[in-house]
Amino acid sequence: MNPSFLRTALRIVLGFVLTLVLLGFLSAPLLLRNLDFKEMVKRRIETALSNETLQARIGDLSFQPFYHLRAK
């Protein structure tokens, strides 16, 4: 085998491995902080829905397709 081919293959493999290691180090704090991600999302949704102004906005939005085609 050609030595330059082996060097190129080694560089590609090492680059891939180092990229995975770097991504692991970068994502580890996020994973450790958000272990209970579903619970956090559920709590945020409940907080948003308990907000009175948001409920008023949702109540004001009535979906009326083809409203412009109705007779006045």
PDB file of N, CA and C in Angstrom:
ATOM      1  N   MET A   1       0.838  -1.190   0.000  1.00  0.00           N
ATOM      2  CA  MET A   1       0.000   0.000   0.000  1.00  0.00           C
ATOM      3  C   MET A   1       0.876   1.243   0.000  1.00  0.00           C
ATOM      4  N   ASN A   2       0.314   2.269  -0.545  1.00  0.00           N
ATOM      5  CA  ASN A   2       1.015   3.537  -0.642  1.00  0.00           C
ATOM      6  C   ASN A   2       1.034   4.224   0.738  1.00  0.00           C
ATOM      7  N   PRO A   3       2.211   4.688   1.174  1.00  0.00           N
ATOM      8  CA  PRO A   3       2.283   5.340   2.497  1.00  0.00           C
ATOM      9  C   PRO A   3       1.426   6.604   2.584  1.00  0.00           C
ATOM     10  N   SER A   4       1.297   7.348   1.474  1.00  0.00           N
ATOM     11  CA  SER A   4       0.482   8.561   1.523  1.00  0.00           C
ATOM     12  C   SER A   4      -1.002   8.204   1.688  1.00  0.00           C
ATOM     13  N   PHE A   5      -1.406   7.052   1.120  1.00  0.00           N
ATOM     14  CA  PHE A   5      -2.787   6.588   1.298  1.00  0.00           C
ATOM     15  C   PHE A   5      -3.053   6.273   2.765  1.00  0.00           C
ATOM     16  N   LEU A   6      -2.079   5.603   3.414  1.00  0.00           N
ATOM     17  CA  LEU A   6      -2.248   5.270   4.827  1.00  0.00           C
ATOM     18  C   LEU A   6      -2.311   6.517   5.690  1.00  0.00           C
ATOM     19  N   ARG A   7      -1.474   7.504   5.376  1.00  0.00           N
ATOM     20  CA  ARG A   7      -1.498   8.759   6.131  1.00  0.00           C
ATOM     21  C   ARG A   7      -2.826   9.469   5.967  1.00  0.00           C
ATOM     22  N   THR A   8      -3.337   9.489   4.734  1.00  0.00           N
ATOM     23  CA  THR A   8      -4.621  10.152   4.474  1.00  0.00           C
ATOM     24  C   THR A   8      -5.756   9.431   5.205  1.00  0.00           C
ATOM     25  N   ALA A   9      -5.735   8.099   5.153  1.00  0.00           N
ATOM     26  CA  ALA A   9      -6.774   7.334   5.849  1.00  0.00           C
ATOM     27  C   ALA A   9      -6.695   7.560   7.351  1.00  0.00           C
ATOM     28  N   LEU A  10      -5.476   7.610   7.885  1.00  0.00           N
ATOM     29  CA  LEU A  10      -5.298   7.847   9.316  1.00  0.00           C
ATOM     30  C   LEU A  10      -5.797   9.229   9.711  1.00  0.00           C
ATOM     31  N   ARG A  11      -5.512  10.226   8.873  1.00  0.00           N
ATOM     32  CA  ARG A  11      -6.001  11.586   9.154  1.00  0.00           C
ATOM     33  C   ARG A  11      -7.522  11.637   9.156  1.00  0.00           C
ATOM     34  N   ILE A  12      -8.146  10.961   8.206  1.00  0.00           N
ATOM     35  CA  ILE A  12      -9.614  10.960   8.137  1.00  0.00           C
ATOM     36  C   ILE A  12     -10.203  10.294   9.379  1.00  0.00           C
ATOM     37  N   VAL A  13      -9.653   9.150   9.755  1.00  0.00           N
ATOM     38  CA  VAL A  13     -10.168   8.426  10.926  1.00  0.00           C
ATOM     39  C   VAL A  13      -9.955   9.245  12.195  1.00  0.00           C
ATOM     40  N   LEU A  14      -8.758   9.815  12.354  1.00  0.00           N
ATOM     41  CA  LEU A  14      -8.485  10.612  13.552  1.00  0.00           C
ATOM     42  C   LEU A  14      -9.365  11.863  13.589  1.00  0.00           C
ATOM     43  N   GLY A  15      -9.573  12.493  12.454  1.00  0.00           N
ATOM     44  CA  GLY A  15     -10.448  13.664  12.404  1.00  0.00           C
ATOM     45  C   GLY A  15     -11.866  13.315  12.813  1.00  0.00           C
ATOM     46  N   PHE A  16     -12.358  12.176  12.341  1.00  0.00           N
ATOM     47  CA  PHE A  16     -13.711  11.730  12.695  1.00  0.00           C
ATOM     48  C   PHE A  16     -13.814  11.442  14.187  1.00  0.00           C
ATOM     49  N   VAL A  17     -12.815  10.741  14.730  1.00  0.00           N
ATOM     50  CA  VAL A  17     -12.827  10.399  16.153  1.00  0.00           C
ATOM     51  C   VAL A  17     -12.733  11.661  17.006  1.00  0.00           C
ATOM     52  N   LEU A  18     -11.847  12.591  16.642  1.00  0.00           N
ATOM     53  CA  LEU A  18     -11.712  13.825  17.409  1.00  0.00           C
ATOM     54  C   LEU A  18     -12.980  14.670  17.334  1.00  0.00           C
ATOM     55  N   THR A  19     -13.646  14.652  16.185  1.00  0.00           N
ATOM     56  CA  THR A  19     -14.910  15.382  16.060  1.00  0.00           C
ATOM     57  C   THR A  19     -15.962  14.792  16.987  1.00  0.00           C
ATOM     58  N   LEU A  20     -16.056  13.472  17.043  1.00  0.00           N
ATOM     59  CA  LEU A  20     -17.018  12.829  17.947  1.00  0.00           C
ATOM     60  C   LEU A  20     -16.702  13.131  19.408  1.00  0.00           C
ATOM     61  N   VAL A  21     -15.418  13.113  19.759  1.00  0.00           N
ATOM     62  CA  VAL A  21     -15.022  13.404  21.138  1.00  0.00           C
ATOM     63  C   VAL A  21     -15.370  14.854  21.486  1.00  0.00           C
ATOM     64  N   LEU A  22     -15.102  15.777  20.569  1.00  0.00           N
ATOM     65  CA  LEU A  22     -15.398  17.180  20.808  1.00  0.00           C
ATOM     66  C   LEU A  22     -16.903  17.397  20.960  1.00  0.00           C
ATOM     67  N   LEU A  23     -17.689  16.761  20.108  1.00  0.00           N
ATOM     68  CA  LEU A  23     -19.150  16.885  20.230  1.00  0.00           C
ATOM     69  C   LEU A  23     -19.636  16.294  21.550  1.00  0.00           C
ATOM     70  N   GLY A  24     -19.015  15.222  21.979  1.00  0.00           N
ATOM     71  CA  GLY A  24     -19.380  14.630  23.267  1.00  0.00           C
ATOM     72  C   GLY A  24     -19.085  15.559  24.425  1.00  0.00           C
ATOM     73  N   PHE A  25     -17.927  16.218  24.389  1.00  0.00           N
ATOM     74  CA  PHE A  25     -17.593  17.165  25.451  1.00  0.00           C
ATOM     75  C   PHE A  25     -18.519  18.370  25.434  1.00  0.00           C
ATOM     76  N   LEU A  26     -18.908  18.819  24.243  1.00  0.00           N
ATOM     77  CA  LEU A  26     -19.767  19.989  24.157  1.00  0.00           C
ATOM     78  C   LEU A  26     -21.200  19.679  24.573  1.00  0.00           C
ATOM     79  N   SER A  27     -21.673  18.473  24.299  1.00  0.00           N
ATOM     80  CA  SER A  27     -23.062  18.149  24.599  1.00  0.00           C
ATOM     81  C   SER A  27     -23.242  17.560  25.997  1.00  0.00           C
ATOM     82  N   ALA A  28     -22.171  17.140  26.644  1.00  0.00           N
ATOM     83  CA  ALA A  28     -22.299  16.517  27.964  1.00  0.00           C
ATOM     84  C   ALA A  28     -22.941  17.440  28.998  1.00  0.00           C
ATOM     85  N   PRO A  29     -22.546  18.721  29.102  1.00  0.00           N
ATOM     86  CA  PRO A  29     -23.210  19.582  30.090  1.00  0.00           C
ATOM     87  C   PRO A  29     -24.696  19.740  29.817  1.00  0.00           C
ATOM     88  N   LEU A  30     -25.073  19.817  28.541  1.00  0.00           N
ATOM     89  CA  LEU A  30     -26.490  19.947  28.213  1.00  0.00           C
ATOM     90  C   LEU A  30     -27.258  18.699  28.600  1.00  0.00           C
ATOM     91  N   LEU A  31     -26.662  17.545  28.342  1.00  0.00           N
ATOM     92  CA  LEU A  31     -27.334  16.293  28.683  1.00  0.00           C
ATOM     93  C   LEU A  31     -27.446  16.114  30.190  1.00  0.00           C
ATOM     94  N   LEU A  32     -26.400  16.515  30.906  1.00  0.00           N
ATOM     95  CA  LEU A  32     -26.441  16.369  32.356  1.00  0.00           C
ATOM     96  C   LEU A  32     -27.416  17.349  32.987  1.00  0.00           C
ATOM     97  N   ARG A  33     -27.534  18.536  32.389  1.00  0.00           N
ATOM     98  CA  ARG A  33     -28.423  19.546  32.949  1.00  0.00           C
ATOM     99  C   ARG A  33     -29.879  19.216  32.646  1.00  0.00           C
ATOM    100  N   ASN A  34     -30.156  18.649  31.490  1.00  0.00           N
ATOM    101  CA  ASN A  34     -31.531  18.392  31.070  1.00  0.00           C
ATOM    102  C   ASN A  34     -31.841  16.896  31.043  1.00  0.00           C
ATOM    103  N   LEU A  35     -31.534  16.226  32.131  1.00  0.00           N
ATOM    104  CA  LEU A  35     -31.820  14.804  32.166  1.00  0.00           C
ATOM    105  C   LEU A  35     -33.326  14.552  32.111  1.00  0.00           C
ATOM    106  N   ASP A  36     -34.106  15.426  32.757  1.00  0.00           N
ATOM    107  CA  ASP A  36     -35.546  15.263  32.764  1.00  0.00           C
ATOM    108  C   ASP A  36     -36.154  16.291  31.810  1.00  0.00           C
ATOM    109  N   PHE A  37     -35.830  16.155  30.533  1.00  0.00           N
ATOM    110  CA  PHE A  37     -36.227  17.136  29.525  1.00  0.00           C
ATOM    111  C   PHE A  37     -37.740  17.180  29.350  1.00  0.00           C
ATOM    112  N   LYS A  38     -38.389  16.024  29.362  1.00  0.00           N
ATOM    113  CA  LYS A  38     -39.847  15.991  29.175  1.00  0.00           C
ATOM    114  C   LYS A  38     -40.558  16.740  30.295  1.00  0.00           C
ATOM    115  N   GLU A  39     -40.092  16.559  31.504  1.00  0.00           N
ATOM    116  CA  GLU A  39     -40.704  17.245  32.644  1.00  0.00           C
ATOM    117  C   GLU A  39     -40.523  18.757  32.530  1.00  0.00           C
ATOM    118  N   MET A  40     -39.344  19.183  32.068  1.00  0.00           N
ATOM    119  CA  MET A  40     -39.091  20.614  31.922  1.00  0.00           C
ATOM    120  C   MET A  40     -40.023  21.215  30.869  1.00  0.00           C
ATOM    121  N   VAL A  41     -40.174  20.535  29.733  1.00  0.00           N
ATOM    122  CA  VAL A  41     -41.046  21.032  28.676  1.00  0.00           C
ATOM    123  C   VAL A  41     -42.491  21.075  29.172  1.00  0.00           C
ATOM    124  N   LYS A  42     -42.909  20.044  29.878  1.00  0.00           N
ATOM    125  CA  LYS A  42     -44.275  19.991  30.407  1.00  0.00           C
ATOM    126  C   LYS A  42     -44.522  21.155  31.366  1.00  0.00           C
ATOM    127  N   ARG A  43     -43.552  21.443  32.221  1.00  0.00           N
ATOM    128  CA  ARG A  43     -43.689  22.538  33.174  1.00  0.00           C
ATOM    129  C   ARG A  43     -43.778  23.878  32.458  1.00  0.00           C
ATOM    130  N   ARG A  44     -42.972  24.055  31.411  1.00  0.00           N
ATOM    131  CA  ARG A  44     -43.016  25.316  30.657  1.00  0.00           C
ATOM    132  C   ARG A  44     -44.352  25.497  29.951  1.00  0.00           C
ATOM    133  N   ILE A  45     -44.881  24.418  29.395  1.00  0.00           N
ATOM    134  CA  ILE A  45     -46.181  24.511  28.718  1.00  0.00           C
ATOM    135  C   ILE A  45     -47.269  24.846  29.728  1.00  0.00           C
ATOM    136  N   GLU A  46     -47.245  24.198  30.895  1.00  0.00           N
ATOM    137  CA  GLU A  46     -48.244  24.488  31.918  1.00  0.00           C
ATOM    138  C   GLU A  46     -48.147  25.933  32.386  1.00  0.00           C
ATOM    139  N   THR A  47     -46.926  26.449  32.529  1.00  0.00           N
ATOM    140  CA  THR A  47     -46.744  27.835  32.934  1.00  0.00           C
ATOM    141  C   THR A  47     -47.284  28.779  31.874  1.00  0.00           C
ATOM    142  N   ALA A  48     -47.017  28.462  30.621  1.00  0.00           N
ATOM    143  CA  ALA A  48     -47.495  29.323  29.543  1.00  0.00           C
ATOM    144  C   ALA A  48     -49.014  29.300  29.452  1.00  0.00           C
ATOM    145  N   LEU A  49     -49.617  28.137  29.635  1.00  0.00           N
ATOM    146  CA  LEU A  49     -51.072  28.040  29.539  1.00  0.00           C
ATOM    147  C   LEU A  49     -51.767  28.658  30.744  1.00  0.00           C
ATOM    148  N   SER A  50     -51.078  28.743  31.868  1.00  0.00           N
ATOM    149  CA  SER A  50     -51.694  29.367  33.028  1.00  0.00           C
ATOM    150  C   SER A  50     -51.614  30.894  32.951  1.00  0.00           C
ATOM    151  N   ASN A  51     -50.852  31.405  32.020  1.00  0.00           N
ATOM    152  CA  ASN A  51     -50.735  32.849  31.845  1.00  0.00           C
ATOM    153  C   ASN A  51     -52.050  33.389  31.287  1.00  0.00           C
ATOM    154  N   GLU A  52     -52.663  34.347  31.981  1.00  0.00           N
ATOM    155  CA  GLU A  52     -53.979  34.842  31.595  1.00  0.00           C
ATOM    156  C   GLU A  52     -53.963  35.569  30.255  1.00  0.00           C
ATOM    157  N   THR A  53     -52.902  36.330  29.994  1.00  0.00           N
ATOM    158  CA  THR A  53     -52.868  37.065  28.728  1.00  0.00           C
ATOM    159  C   THR A  53     -52.765  36.100  27.554  1.00  0.00           C
ATOM    160  N   LEU A  54     -52.032  35.021  27.753  1.00  0.00           N
ATOM    161  CA  LEU A  54     -51.930  34.039  26.672  1.00  0.00           C
ATOM    162  C   LEU A  54     -53.273  33.370  26.435  1.00  0.00           C
ATOM    163  N   GLN A  55     -53.991  33.063  27.506  1.00  0.00           N
ATOM    164  CA  GLN A  55     -55.309  32.463  27.346  1.00  0.00           C
ATOM    165  C   GLN A  55     -56.251  33.417  26.634  1.00  0.00           C
ATOM    166  N   ALA A  56     -56.153  34.708  26.945  1.00  0.00           N
ATOM    167  CA  ALA A  56     -57.007  35.684  26.276  1.00  0.00           C
ATOM    168  C   ALA A  56     -56.666  35.757  24.790  1.00  0.00           C
ATOM    169  N   ARG A  57     -55.386  35.704  24.474  1.00  0.00           N
ATOM    170  CA  ARG A  57     -54.983  35.736  23.066  1.00  0.00           C
ATOM    171  C   ARG A  57     -55.468  34.507  22.318  1.00  0.00           C
ATOM    172  N   ILE A  58     -55.370  33.347  22.972  1.00  0.00           N
ATOM    173  CA  ILE A  58     -55.831  32.120  22.326  1.00  0.00           C
ATOM    174  C   ILE A  58     -57.330  32.199  22.108  1.00  0.00           C
ATOM    175  N   GLY A  59     -58.069  32.767  23.085  1.00  0.00           N
ATOM    176  CA  GLY A  59     -59.506  32.898  22.944  1.00  0.00           C
ATOM    177  C   GLY A  59     -59.895  33.855  21.830  1.00  0.00           C
ATOM    178  N   ASP A  60     -59.081  34.898  21.611  1.00  0.00           N
ATOM    179  CA  ASP A  60     -59.389  35.866  20.561  1.00  0.00           C
ATOM    180  C   ASP A  60     -59.139  35.310  19.174  1.00  0.00           C
ATOM    181  N   LEU A  61     -58.264  34.349  19.081  1.00  0.00           N
ATOM    182  CA  LEU A  61     -57.931  33.790  17.774  1.00  0.00           C
ATOM    183  C   LEU A  61     -58.955  32.723  17.427  1.00  0.00           C
ATOM    184  N   SER A  62     -59.829  33.048  16.526  1.00  0.00           N
ATOM    185  CA  SER A  62     -60.779  32.032  16.071  1.00  0.00           C
ATOM    186  C   SER A  62     -60.440  31.721  14.622  1.00  0.00           C
ATOM    187  N   PHE A  63     -60.259  30.463  14.355  1.00  0.00           N
ATOM    188  CA  PHE A  63     -59.863  30.038  13.018  1.00  0.00           C
ATOM    189  C   PHE A  63     -61.085  30.084  12.113  1.00  0.00           C
ATOM    190  N   GLN A  64     -61.069  30.995  11.159  1.00  0.00           N
ATOM    191  CA  GLN A  64     -62.203  31.162  10.253  1.00  0.00           C
ATOM    192  C   GLN A  64     -61.698  31.113   8.816  1.00  0.00           C
ATOM    193  N   PRO A  65     -61.584  29.928   8.265  1.00  0.00           N
ATOM    194  CA  PRO A  65     -61.134  29.854   6.873  1.00  0.00           C
ATOM    195  C   PRO A  65     -62.218  30.381   5.938  1.00  0.00           C
ATOM    196  N   PHE A  66     -61.812  30.970   4.868  1.00  0.00           N
ATOM    197  CA  PHE A  66     -62.697  31.518   3.837  1.00  0.00           C
ATOM    198  C   PHE A  66     -63.611  32.609   4.391  1.00  0.00           C
ATOM    199  N   TYR A  67     -63.120  33.315   5.412  1.00  0.00           N
ATOM    200  CA  TYR A  67     -63.913  34.389   5.999  1.00  0.00           C
ATOM    201  C   TYR A  67     -64.207  35.470   4.963  1.00  0.00           C
ATOM    202  N   HIS A  68     -63.241  35.707   4.084  1.00  0.00           N
ATOM    203  CA  HIS A  68     -63.411  36.767   3.083  1.00  0.00           C
ATOM    204  C   HIS A  68     -64.452  36.397   2.027  1.00  0.00           C
ATOM    205  N   LEU A  69     -64.874  35.133   1.950  1.00  0.00           N
ATOM    206  CA  LEU A  69     -65.858  34.717   0.958  1.00  0.00           C
ATOM    207  C   LEU A  69     -67.291  34.763   1.487  1.00  0.00           C
ATOM    208  N   ARG A  70     -67.444  34.996   2.785  1.00  0.00           N
ATOM    209  CA  ARG A  70     -68.784  35.002   3.374  1.00  0.00           C
ATOM    210  C   ARG A  70     -69.556  36.259   2.967  1.00  0.00           C
ATOM    211  N   ALA A  71     -70.855  36.114   2.917  1.00  0.00           N
ATOM    212  CA  ALA A  71     -71.714  37.270   2.604  1.00  0.00           C
ATOM    213  C   ALA A  71     -71.776  38.171   3.830  1.00  0.00           C
ATOM    214  N   LYS A  72     -71.761  39.442   3.588  1.00  0.00           N
ATOM    215  CA  LYS A  72     -71.770  40.379   4.716  1.00  0.00           C
ATOM    216  C   LYS A  72     -73.154  40.849   5.025  1.00  0.00           C
TER     217      LYS A  72
END
